[in-house]
Amino acid sequence: MQTLQLIIENNIARVTINRPEKANALNQTAWDEIKGVFESLDENPEVRVIVLDGGESKHFCAGIDLSLLMSVSQTNIACDARRRERVRKDVLRLQAPIDAIENCSKPVLAAIHGGCIGGGIDLICACDMRYCTDDAYFTIKEIDMGMVADLGTLQRLPKIIGDGLVREMAYTGRNVEGKEAEKIGIVNRSFTDKESMMTEVMKIAAMIASKSPLSIRGTKHILLHTRDHSVADGLNYMATWNAAMLLSNDLKEAFSAKLEKRNTNFED
């Protein structure tokens, strides 16, 4: 891959955005590779949890590469309707990699340092959990570019933090720094430095990787379903889910390990 690095070890996949010379701004290649790698990791039985980070770049993600943004807005199509149809398809194509992160059956933990700007917010909103450094900052920058954030921030962030806080960020484009991000719930925790953040995030990832992979995947699926449905619908769906999935080898292994006072050993 040209814009990402991937390491798989001990059932943990570490996906690193790797465009440090562009502050990890995402060009078309990056969007394509994000979609491809998360769809691949979804199907890889060796992978139980994923960590997404910004590597050695100054920023976790500086958003969409401006050259890509300009290419979406420019077209030689003469017909207004066809030109707008093309722009709609382009936006949907850019939404697809973000959807691939959310739809990946494995939990995704985002480790954020520096700036998380524009499209970077879209990325982390699709992750299961988010962690950052105290000097990280988050900004919905689209408002300062004369546009509406269109890749998922305005749809997913209100499910993570309060509606009024989302509106404040979206209307003002102001920076929300690490400690405030922790306070309002954008991230689970903020750390003093990148090294301590990565150490703790990898510990959490290892803990998740030690659990039943089938149960972890099922839990993520149910949580996403619950987010978008009523309590009654969620409970009914849960009953149907467990009717199909409860009696697994993982359940037997968990009980056996407890009785035998040993660590569990789940199959991938």
C-alpha atoms as a PDB file:
ATOM      1  CA  MET A   1       0.000   0.000   0.000  1.00  0.00           C
ATOM      2  CA  GLN A   2       1.135   3.534  -0.768  1.00  0.00           C
ATOM      3  CA  THR A   3      -0.607   5.458   2.014  1.00  0.00           C
ATOM      4  CA  LEU A   4      -1.116   2.939   4.813  1.00  0.00           C
ATOM      5  CA  GLN A   5       1.038   0.561   6.804  1.00  0.00           C
ATOM      6  CA  LEU A   6      -0.374  -2.696   8.151  1.00  0.00           C
ATOM      7  CA  ILE A   7       1.103  -4.934  10.849  1.00  0.00           C
ATOM      8  CA  ILE A   8      -0.736  -8.001  12.185  1.00  0.00           C
ATOM      9  CA  GLU A   9       0.598  -9.506  15.398  1.00  0.00           C
ATOM     10  CA  ASN A  10      -1.015 -11.455  18.236  1.00  0.00           C
ATOM     11  CA  ASN A  11      -4.454 -11.135  16.610  1.00  0.00           C
ATOM     12  CA  ILE A  12      -4.136  -7.319  16.557  1.00  0.00           C
ATOM     13  CA  ALA A  13      -4.000  -5.401  13.261  1.00  0.00           C
ATOM     14  CA  ARG A  14      -2.333  -2.016  13.442  1.00  0.00           C
ATOM     15  CA  VAL A  15      -3.320   0.240  10.549  1.00  0.00           C
ATOM     16  CA  THR A  16      -1.171   3.374  10.294  1.00  0.00           C
ATOM     17  CA  ILE A  17      -1.929   6.311   8.032  1.00  0.00           C
ATOM     18  CA  ASN A  18       1.397   6.942   6.320  1.00  0.00           C
ATOM     19  CA  ARG A  19       1.524  10.260   4.445  1.00  0.00           C
ATOM     20  CA  PRO A  20       3.692  12.269   6.864  1.00  0.00           C
ATOM     21  CA  GLU A  21       4.841  14.635   4.126  1.00  0.00           C
ATOM     22  CA  LYS A  22       1.176  15.649   3.680  1.00  0.00           C
ATOM     23  CA  ALA A  23       0.272  15.607   7.396  1.00  0.00           C
ATOM     24  CA  ASN A  24      -1.688  12.419   6.638  1.00  0.00           C
ATOM     25  CA  ALA A  25      -4.124  14.245   4.345  1.00  0.00           C
ATOM     26  CA  LEU A  26      -6.143  11.649   2.454  1.00  0.00           C
ATOM     27  CA  ASN A  27      -5.903  11.556  -1.336  1.00  0.00           C
ATOM     28  CA  GLN A  28      -7.929   9.216  -3.553  1.00  0.00           C
ATOM     29  CA  THR A  29      -5.380   6.429  -3.123  1.00  0.00           C
ATOM     30  CA  ALA A  30      -5.696   6.693   0.648  1.00  0.00           C
ATOM     31  CA  TRP A  31      -9.499   6.485   0.525  1.00  0.00           C
ATOM     32  CA  ASP A  32      -9.306   3.451  -1.754  1.00  0.00           C
ATOM     33  CA  GLU A  33      -6.746   1.753   0.472  1.00  0.00           C
ATOM     34  CA  ILE A  34      -8.730   2.427   3.654  1.00  0.00           C
ATOM     35  CA  LYS A  35     -11.769   0.771   2.105  1.00  0.00           C
ATOM     36  CA  GLY A  36      -9.740  -2.158   0.843  1.00  0.00           C
ATOM     37  CA  VAL A  37      -7.805  -2.809   4.046  1.00  0.00           C
ATOM     38  CA  PHE A  38     -10.823  -2.696   6.357  1.00  0.00           C
ATOM     39  CA  GLU A  39     -12.846  -4.964   4.081  1.00  0.00           C
ATOM     40  CA  SER A  40      -9.875  -7.345   4.018  1.00  0.00           C
ATOM     41  CA  LEU A  41      -9.412  -7.267   7.799  1.00  0.00           C
ATOM     42  CA  ASP A  42     -13.114  -7.955   8.232  1.00  0.00           C
ATOM     43  CA  GLU A  43     -12.624 -11.261   6.409  1.00  0.00           C
ATOM     44  CA  ASN A  44      -9.284 -12.165   8.035  1.00  0.00           C
ATOM     45  CA  PRO A  45      -9.906 -14.719  10.827  1.00  0.00           C
ATOM     46  CA  GLU A  46      -6.451 -14.034  12.301  1.00  0.00           C
ATOM     47  CA  VAL A  47      -7.505 -10.472  13.187  1.00  0.00           C
ATOM     48  CA  ARG A  48      -9.662  -9.911  16.276  1.00  0.00           C
ATOM     49  CA  VAL A  49      -9.194  -6.172  16.878  1.00  0.00           C
ATOM     50  CA  ILE A  50      -7.782  -3.205  14.929  1.00  0.00           C
ATOM     51  CA  VAL A  51      -5.842  -0.116  16.031  1.00  0.00           C
ATOM     52  CA  LEU A  52      -5.888   2.920  13.706  1.00  0.00           C
ATOM     53  CA  ASP A  53      -3.184   5.537  14.287  1.00  0.00           C
ATOM     54  CA  GLY A  54      -1.334   8.391  12.591  1.00  0.00           C
ATOM     55  CA  GLY A  55       2.207   7.051  12.802  1.00  0.00           C
ATOM     56  CA  GLU A  56       5.066   9.551  12.700  1.00  0.00           C
ATOM     57  CA  SER A  57       3.115  12.325  10.996  1.00  0.00           C
ATOM     58  CA  LYS A  58       2.675  15.666  12.766  1.00  0.00           C
ATOM     59  CA  HIS A  59      -1.085  15.068  12.664  1.00  0.00           C
ATOM     60  CA  PHE A  60      -3.314  12.023  12.963  1.00  0.00           C
ATOM     61  CA  CYS A  61      -5.133  13.222   9.842  1.00  0.00           C
ATOM     62  CA  ALA A  62      -5.284  16.651   8.185  1.00  0.00           C
ATOM     63  CA  GLY A  63      -8.496  15.744   6.344  1.00  0.00           C
ATOM     64  CA  ILE A  64      -9.145  15.386   2.632  1.00  0.00           C
ATOM     65  CA  ASP A  65      -6.246  16.244   0.356  1.00  0.00           C
ATOM     66  CA  LEU A  66      -7.179  19.516  -1.355  1.00  0.00           C
ATOM     67  CA  SER A  67      -6.304  18.120  -4.786  1.00  0.00           C
ATOM     68  CA  LEU A  68      -8.971  15.439  -4.307  1.00  0.00           C
ATOM     69  CA  LEU A  69     -11.512  17.996  -3.120  1.00  0.00           C
ATOM     70  CA  MET A  70     -10.886  20.121  -6.202  1.00  0.00           C
ATOM     71  CA  SER A  71     -11.206  17.123  -8.524  1.00  0.00           C
ATOM     72  CA  VAL A  72     -14.636  16.312  -7.081  1.00  0.00           C
ATOM     73  CA  SER A  73     -15.840  19.873  -7.608  1.00  0.00           C
ATOM     74  CA  GLN A  74     -14.538  20.147 -11.179  1.00  0.00           C
ATOM     75  CA  THR A  75     -16.112  18.317 -14.108  1.00  0.00           C
ATOM     76  CA  ASN A  76     -16.472  18.837 -17.848  1.00  0.00           C
ATOM     77  CA  ILE A  77     -20.033  17.523 -17.967  1.00  0.00           C
ATOM     78  CA  ALA A  78     -22.223  20.188 -19.621  1.00  0.00           C
ATOM     79  CA  CYS A  79     -25.636  19.052 -18.353  1.00  0.00           C
ATOM     80  CA  ASP A  80     -26.373  20.450 -14.879  1.00  0.00           C
ATOM     81  CA  ALA A  81     -28.375  17.395 -13.808  1.00  0.00           C
ATOM     82  CA  ARG A  82     -25.720  14.933 -14.970  1.00  0.00           C
ATOM     83  CA  ARG A  83     -22.976  17.001 -13.348  1.00  0.00           C
ATOM     84  CA  ARG A  84     -24.818  16.947 -10.024  1.00  0.00           C
ATOM     85  CA  GLU A  85     -25.481  13.239 -10.401  1.00  0.00           C
ATOM     86  CA  ARG A  86     -21.736  12.758 -10.833  1.00  0.00           C
ATOM     87  CA  VAL A  87     -20.941  14.809  -7.710  1.00  0.00           C
ATOM     88  CA  ARG A  88     -23.424  12.719  -5.709  1.00  0.00           C
ATOM     89  CA  LYS A  89     -21.714   9.519  -6.850  1.00  0.00           C
ATOM     90  CA  ASP A  90     -18.319  10.983  -5.940  1.00  0.00           C
ATOM     91  CA  VAL A  91     -19.525  11.829  -2.429  1.00  0.00           C
ATOM     92  CA  LEU A  92     -20.988   8.343  -1.972  1.00  0.00           C
ATOM     93  CA  ARG A  93     -17.683   6.867  -3.128  1.00  0.00           C
ATOM     94  CA  LEU A  94     -15.836   8.876  -0.484  1.00  0.00           C
ATOM     95  CA  GLN A  95     -18.336   7.822   2.180  1.00  0.00           C
ATOM     96  CA  ALA A  96     -17.716   4.126   1.435  1.00  0.00           C
ATOM     97  CA  PRO A  97     -14.295   3.852   3.170  1.00  0.00           C
ATOM     98  CA  ILE A  98     -15.756   5.387   6.347  1.00  0.00           C
ATOM     99  CA  ASP A  99     -18.621   2.904   6.175  1.00  0.00           C
ATOM    100  CA  ALA A 100     -16.062   0.094   5.773  1.00  0.00           C
ATOM    101  CA  ILE A 101     -14.529   1.024   9.147  1.00  0.00           C
ATOM    102  CA  GLU A 102     -17.910   1.036  10.893  1.00  0.00           C
ATOM    103  CA  ASN A 103     -19.106  -2.125   9.145  1.00  0.00           C
ATOM    104  CA  CYS A 104     -15.905  -4.044   9.880  1.00  0.00           C
ATOM    105  CA  SER A 105     -16.922  -6.818  12.286  1.00  0.00           C
ATOM    106  CA  LYS A 106     -13.784  -6.321  14.404  1.00  0.00           C
ATOM    107  CA  PRO A 107     -13.603  -3.476  16.987  1.00  0.00           C
ATOM    108  CA  VAL A 108     -11.543  -0.498  15.775  1.00  0.00           C
ATOM    109  CA  LEU A 109      -9.640   1.648  18.292  1.00  0.00           C
ATOM    110  CA  ALA A 110      -8.440   5.070  17.114  1.00  0.00           C
ATOM    111  CA  ALA A 111      -5.228   6.480  18.650  1.00  0.00           C
ATOM    112  CA  ILE A 112      -5.111  10.201  17.853  1.00  0.00           C
ATOM    113  CA  HIS A 113      -2.296  12.715  18.165  1.00  0.00           C
ATOM    114  CA  GLY A 114      -1.902  16.200  16.700  1.00  0.00           C
ATOM    115  CA  GLY A 115      -4.698  17.421  14.498  1.00  0.00           C
ATOM    116  CA  CYS A 116      -7.795  15.405  13.691  1.00  0.00           C
ATOM    117  CA  ILE A 117      -9.273  17.670  11.065  1.00  0.00           C
ATOM    118  CA  GLY A 118     -12.258  17.470   8.705  1.00  0.00           C
ATOM    119  CA  GLY A 119     -12.143  14.014   7.154  1.00  0.00           C
ATOM    120  CA  GLY A 120     -10.172  12.827  10.175  1.00  0.00           C
ATOM    121  CA  ILE A 121     -13.292  13.377  12.281  1.00  0.00           C
ATOM    122  CA  ASP A 122     -15.227  11.240   9.808  1.00  0.00           C
ATOM    123  CA  LEU A 123     -12.665   8.450  10.287  1.00  0.00           C
ATOM    124  CA  ILE A 124     -12.726   8.397  14.075  1.00  0.00           C
ATOM    125  CA  CYS A 125     -16.516   8.676  14.348  1.00  0.00           C
ATOM    126  CA  ALA A 126     -16.742   5.333  12.557  1.00  0.00           C
ATOM    127  CA  CYS A 127     -14.398   3.698  15.086  1.00  0.00           C
ATOM    128  CA  ASP A 128     -15.590   1.863  18.195  1.00  0.00           C
ATOM    129  CA  MET A 129     -13.411   3.722  20.689  1.00  0.00           C
ATOM    130  CA  ARG A 130     -11.176   6.768  20.522  1.00  0.00           C
ATOM    131  CA  TYR A 131      -8.122   7.786  22.569  1.00  0.00           C
ATOM    132  CA  CYS A 132      -5.911  10.856  22.207  1.00  0.00           C
ATOM    133  CA  THR A 133      -2.999  12.846  23.556  1.00  0.00           C
ATOM    134  CA  ASP A 134      -3.561  16.010  25.565  1.00  0.00           C
ATOM    135  CA  ASP A 135      -2.135  18.104  22.721  1.00  0.00           C
ATOM    136  CA  ALA A 136      -4.430  16.550  20.112  1.00  0.00           C
ATOM    137  CA  TYR A 137      -7.223  18.689  18.722  1.00  0.00           C
ATOM    138  CA  PHE A 138     -10.433  18.001  16.834  1.00  0.00           C
ATOM    139  CA  THR A 139     -12.073  20.374  14.373  1.00  0.00           C
ATOM    140  CA  ILE A 140     -14.968  20.124  11.919  1.00  0.00           C
ATOM    141  CA  LYS A 141     -13.127  22.281   9.405  1.00  0.00           C
ATOM    142  CA  GLU A 142     -15.615  22.071   6.546  1.00  0.00           C
ATOM    143  CA  ILE A 143     -17.515  25.132   7.764  1.00  0.00           C
ATOM    144  CA  ASP A 144     -14.403  27.281   7.147  1.00  0.00           C
ATOM    145  CA  MET A 145     -14.232  25.935   3.593  1.00  0.00           C
ATOM    146  CA  GLY A 146     -17.771  27.000   2.759  1.00  0.00           C
ATOM    147  CA  MET A 147     -19.207  23.489   2.730  1.00  0.00           C
ATOM    148  CA  VAL A 148     -21.196  21.034   4.837  1.00  0.00           C
ATOM    149  CA  ALA A 149     -19.347  18.036   6.283  1.00  0.00           C
ATOM    150  CA  ASP A 150     -20.595  15.207   4.108  1.00  0.00           C
ATOM    151  CA  LEU A 151     -18.768  11.960   4.953  1.00  0.00           C
ATOM    152  CA  GLY A 152     -20.464  11.013   8.229  1.00  0.00           C
ATOM    153  CA  THR A 153     -19.440  13.458  10.957  1.00  0.00           C
ATOM    154  CA  LEU A 154     -22.873  15.091  11.155  1.00  0.00           C
ATOM    155  CA  GLN A 155     -24.559  11.684  11.190  1.00  0.00           C
ATOM    156  CA  ARG A 156     -22.291   9.823  13.650  1.00  0.00           C
ATOM    157  CA  LEU A 157     -20.913  12.444  16.040  1.00  0.00           C
ATOM    158  CA  PRO A 158     -24.401  13.250  17.492  1.00  0.00           C
ATOM    159  CA  LYS A 159     -24.543   9.561  18.491  1.00  0.00           C
ATOM    160  CA  ILE A 160     -21.288  10.013  20.429  1.00  0.00           C
ATOM    161  CA  ILE A 161     -21.590  13.429  22.126  1.00  0.00           C
ATOM    162  CA  GLY A 162     -24.398  15.862  22.916  1.00  0.00           C
ATOM    163  CA  ASP A 163     -26.324  17.490  20.092  1.00  0.00           C
ATOM    164  CA  GLY A 164     -25.533  21.021  21.235  1.00  0.00           C
ATOM    165  CA  LEU A 165     -21.813  20.283  21.347  1.00  0.00           C
ATOM    166  CA  VAL A 166     -21.901  18.870  17.821  1.00  0.00           C
ATOM    167  CA  ARG A 167     -23.665  21.998  16.600  1.00  0.00           C
ATOM    168  CA  GLU A 168     -21.119  24.240  18.313  1.00  0.00           C
ATOM    169  CA  MET A 169     -18.235  22.377  16.672  1.00  0.00           C
ATOM    170  CA  ALA A 170     -19.940  22.250  13.269  1.00  0.00           C
ATOM    171  CA  TYR A 171     -21.040  25.901  13.241  1.00  0.00           C
ATOM    172  CA  THR A 172     -17.798  27.406  14.581  1.00  0.00           C
ATOM    173  CA  GLY A 173     -15.073  25.050  13.340  1.00  0.00           C
ATOM    174  CA  ARG A 174     -13.226  25.660  16.601  1.00  0.00           C
ATOM    175  CA  ASN A 175     -10.550  23.333  17.966  1.00  0.00           C
ATOM    176  CA  VAL A 176     -11.523  20.933  20.737  1.00  0.00           C
ATOM    177  CA  GLU A 177      -8.319  19.906  22.511  1.00  0.00           C
ATOM    178  CA  GLY A 178      -7.536  16.581  24.140  1.00  0.00           C
ATOM    179  CA  LYS A 179      -8.700  17.175  27.701  1.00  0.00           C
ATOM    180  CA  GLU A 180     -11.936  18.803  26.550  1.00  0.00           C
ATOM    181  CA  ALA A 181     -12.454  15.965  24.063  1.00  0.00           C
ATOM    182  CA  GLU A 182     -12.215  13.540  26.979  1.00  0.00           C
ATOM    183  CA  LYS A 183     -14.597  15.610  29.091  1.00  0.00           C
ATOM    184  CA  ILE A 184     -17.326  15.817  26.451  1.00  0.00           C
ATOM    185  CA  GLY A 185     -16.928  12.204  25.323  1.00  0.00           C
ATOM    186  CA  ILE A 186     -15.294  12.410  21.905  1.00  0.00           C
ATOM    187  CA  VAL A 187     -12.548  10.177  23.322  1.00  0.00           C
ATOM    188  CA  ASN A 188     -12.529   7.624  26.116  1.00  0.00           C
ATOM    189  CA  ARG A 189      -9.279   8.956  27.582  1.00  0.00           C
ATOM    190  CA  SER A 190      -6.618  11.574  26.920  1.00  0.00           C
ATOM    191  CA  PHE A 191      -2.946  10.878  27.679  1.00  0.00           C
ATOM    192  CA  THR A 192      -0.023  13.178  28.374  1.00  0.00           C
ATOM    193  CA  ASP A 193       2.024  11.881  25.449  1.00  0.00           C
ATOM    194  CA  LYS A 194       1.860   9.641  22.404  1.00  0.00           C
ATOM    195  CA  GLU A 195       3.970   6.845  23.875  1.00  0.00           C
ATOM    196  CA  SER A 196       1.747   6.358  26.917  1.00  0.00           C
ATOM    197  CA  MET A 197      -1.341   6.541  24.697  1.00  0.00           C
ATOM    198  CA  MET A 198      -0.101   3.826  22.349  1.00  0.00           C
ATOM    199  CA  THR A 199       0.984   1.617  25.255  1.00  0.00           C
ATOM    200  CA  GLU A 200      -2.461   1.796  26.848  1.00  0.00           C
ATOM    201  CA  VAL A 201      -4.348   1.425  23.562  1.00  0.00           C
ATOM    202  CA  MET A 202      -2.370  -1.700  22.696  1.00  0.00           C
ATOM    203  CA  LYS A 203      -3.115  -3.105  26.174  1.00  0.00           C
ATOM    204  CA  ILE A 204      -6.833  -2.556  25.616  1.00  0.00           C
ATOM    205  CA  ALA A 205      -6.566  -4.114  22.155  1.00  0.00           C
ATOM    206  CA  ALA A 206      -4.792  -7.154  23.637  1.00  0.00           C
ATOM    207  CA  MET A 207      -7.535  -7.543  26.253  1.00  0.00           C
ATOM    208  CA  ILE A 208     -10.207  -7.486  23.525  1.00  0.00           C
ATOM    209  CA  ALA A 209      -8.186  -9.966  21.439  1.00  0.00           C
ATOM    210  CA  SER A 210      -8.189 -12.412  24.381  1.00  0.00           C
ATOM    211  CA  LYS A 211     -11.995 -12.603  24.445  1.00  0.00           C
ATOM    212  CA  SER A 212     -14.274 -14.809  22.370  1.00  0.00           C
ATOM    213  CA  PRO A 213     -13.921 -13.515  18.764  1.00  0.00           C
ATOM    214  CA  LEU A 214     -17.444 -14.667  17.956  1.00  0.00           C
ATOM    215  CA  SER A 215     -18.858 -12.806  20.955  1.00  0.00           C
ATOM    216  CA  ILE A 216     -16.859  -9.647  20.225  1.00  0.00           C
ATOM    217  CA  ARG A 217     -18.080  -9.562  16.622  1.00  0.00           C
ATOM    218  CA  GLY A 218     -21.632 -10.207  17.782  1.00  0.00           C
ATOM    219  CA  THR A 219     -21.436  -7.489  20.431  1.00  0.00           C
ATOM    220  CA  LYS A 220     -20.284  -4.918  17.880  1.00  0.00           C
ATOM    221  CA  HIS A 221     -23.072  -5.929  15.510  1.00  0.00           C
ATOM    222  CA  ILE A 222     -25.705  -5.657  18.243  1.00  0.00           C
ATOM    223  CA  LEU A 223     -24.413  -2.272  19.446  1.00  0.00           C
ATOM    224  CA  LEU A 224     -24.655  -0.841  15.926  1.00  0.00           C
ATOM    225  CA  HIS A 225     -28.158  -2.251  15.536  1.00  0.00           C
ATOM    226  CA  THR A 226     -29.180  -0.852  18.931  1.00  0.00           C
ATOM    227  CA  ARG A 227     -27.907   2.627  18.027  1.00  0.00           C
ATOM    228  CA  ASP A 228     -30.289   2.851  15.085  1.00  0.00           C
ATOM    229  CA  HIS A 229     -33.389   1.075  16.477  1.00  0.00           C
ATOM    230  CA  SER A 230     -35.837   1.290  19.348  1.00  0.00           C
ATOM    231  CA  VAL A 231     -35.344  -0.675  22.573  1.00  0.00           C
ATOM    232  CA  ALA A 232     -38.196  -3.023  21.641  1.00  0.00           C
ATOM    233  CA  ASP A 233     -36.764  -3.686  18.195  1.00  0.00           C
ATOM    234  CA  GLY A 234     -33.313  -4.219  19.701  1.00  0.00           C
ATOM    235  CA  LEU A 235     -34.523  -6.749  22.255  1.00  0.00           C
ATOM    236  CA  ASN A 236     -36.492  -8.690  19.670  1.00  0.00           C
ATOM    237  CA  TYR A 237     -33.481  -8.775  17.352  1.00  0.00           C
ATOM    238  CA  MET A 238     -31.240  -9.815  20.264  1.00  0.00           C
ATOM    239  CA  ALA A 239     -33.459 -12.806  21.018  1.00  0.00           C
ATOM    240  CA  THR A 240     -33.286 -13.905  17.394  1.00  0.00           C
ATOM    241  CA  TRP A 241     -29.521 -13.364  17.310  1.00  0.00           C
ATOM    242  CA  ASN A 242     -28.865 -15.506  20.368  1.00  0.00           C
ATOM    243  CA  ALA A 243     -31.246 -18.200  19.142  1.00  0.00           C
ATOM    244  CA  ALA A 244     -28.765 -18.586  16.276  1.00  0.00           C
ATOM    245  CA  MET A 245     -25.433 -17.774  17.950  1.00  0.00           C
ATOM    246  CA  LEU A 246     -25.550 -18.537  21.696  1.00  0.00           C
ATOM    247  CA  LEU A 247     -24.731 -22.256  21.669  1.00  0.00           C
ATOM    248  CA  SER A 248     -21.178 -21.937  20.353  1.00  0.00           C
ATOM    249  CA  ASN A 249     -17.842 -23.637  20.974  1.00  0.00           C
ATOM    250  CA  ASP A 250     -16.733 -20.368  22.575  1.00  0.00           C
ATOM    251  CA  LEU A 251     -19.417 -20.728  25.254  1.00  0.00           C
ATOM    252  CA  LYS A 252     -18.209 -24.262  26.015  1.00  0.00           C
ATOM    253  CA  GLU A 253     -14.584 -23.105  26.127  1.00  0.00           C
ATOM    254  CA  ALA A 254     -15.382 -20.250  28.515  1.00  0.00           C
ATOM    255  CA  PHE A 255     -17.140 -22.600  30.945  1.00  0.00           C
ATOM    256  CA  SER A 256     -14.421 -25.266  30.670  1.00  0.00           C
ATOM    257  CA  ALA A 257     -11.649 -22.741  31.312  1.00  0.00           C
ATOM    258  CA  LYS A 258     -13.459 -21.418  34.379  1.00  0.00           C
ATOM    259  CA  LEU A 259     -13.980 -24.907  35.818  1.00  0.00           C
ATOM    260  CA  GLU A 260     -10.388 -25.929  35.072  1.00  0.00           C
ATOM    261  CA  LYS A 261      -9.006 -22.599  36.343  1.00  0.00           C
ATOM    262  CA  ARG A 262      -7.027 -21.888  33.175  1.00  0.00           C
ATOM    263  CA  ASN A 263      -6.871 -19.202  30.506  1.00  0.00           C
ATOM    264  CA  THR A 264      -9.307 -19.455  27.629  1.00  0.00           C
ATOM    265  CA  ASN A 265      -8.125 -20.538  24.205  1.00  0.00           C
ATOM    266  CA  PHE A 266     -10.671 -19.486  21.603  1.00  0.00           C
ATOM    267  CA  GLU A 267     -10.474 -20.486  17.959  1.00  0.00           C
ATOM    268  CA  ASP A 268     -10.283 -17.689  15.392  1.00  0.00           C
END
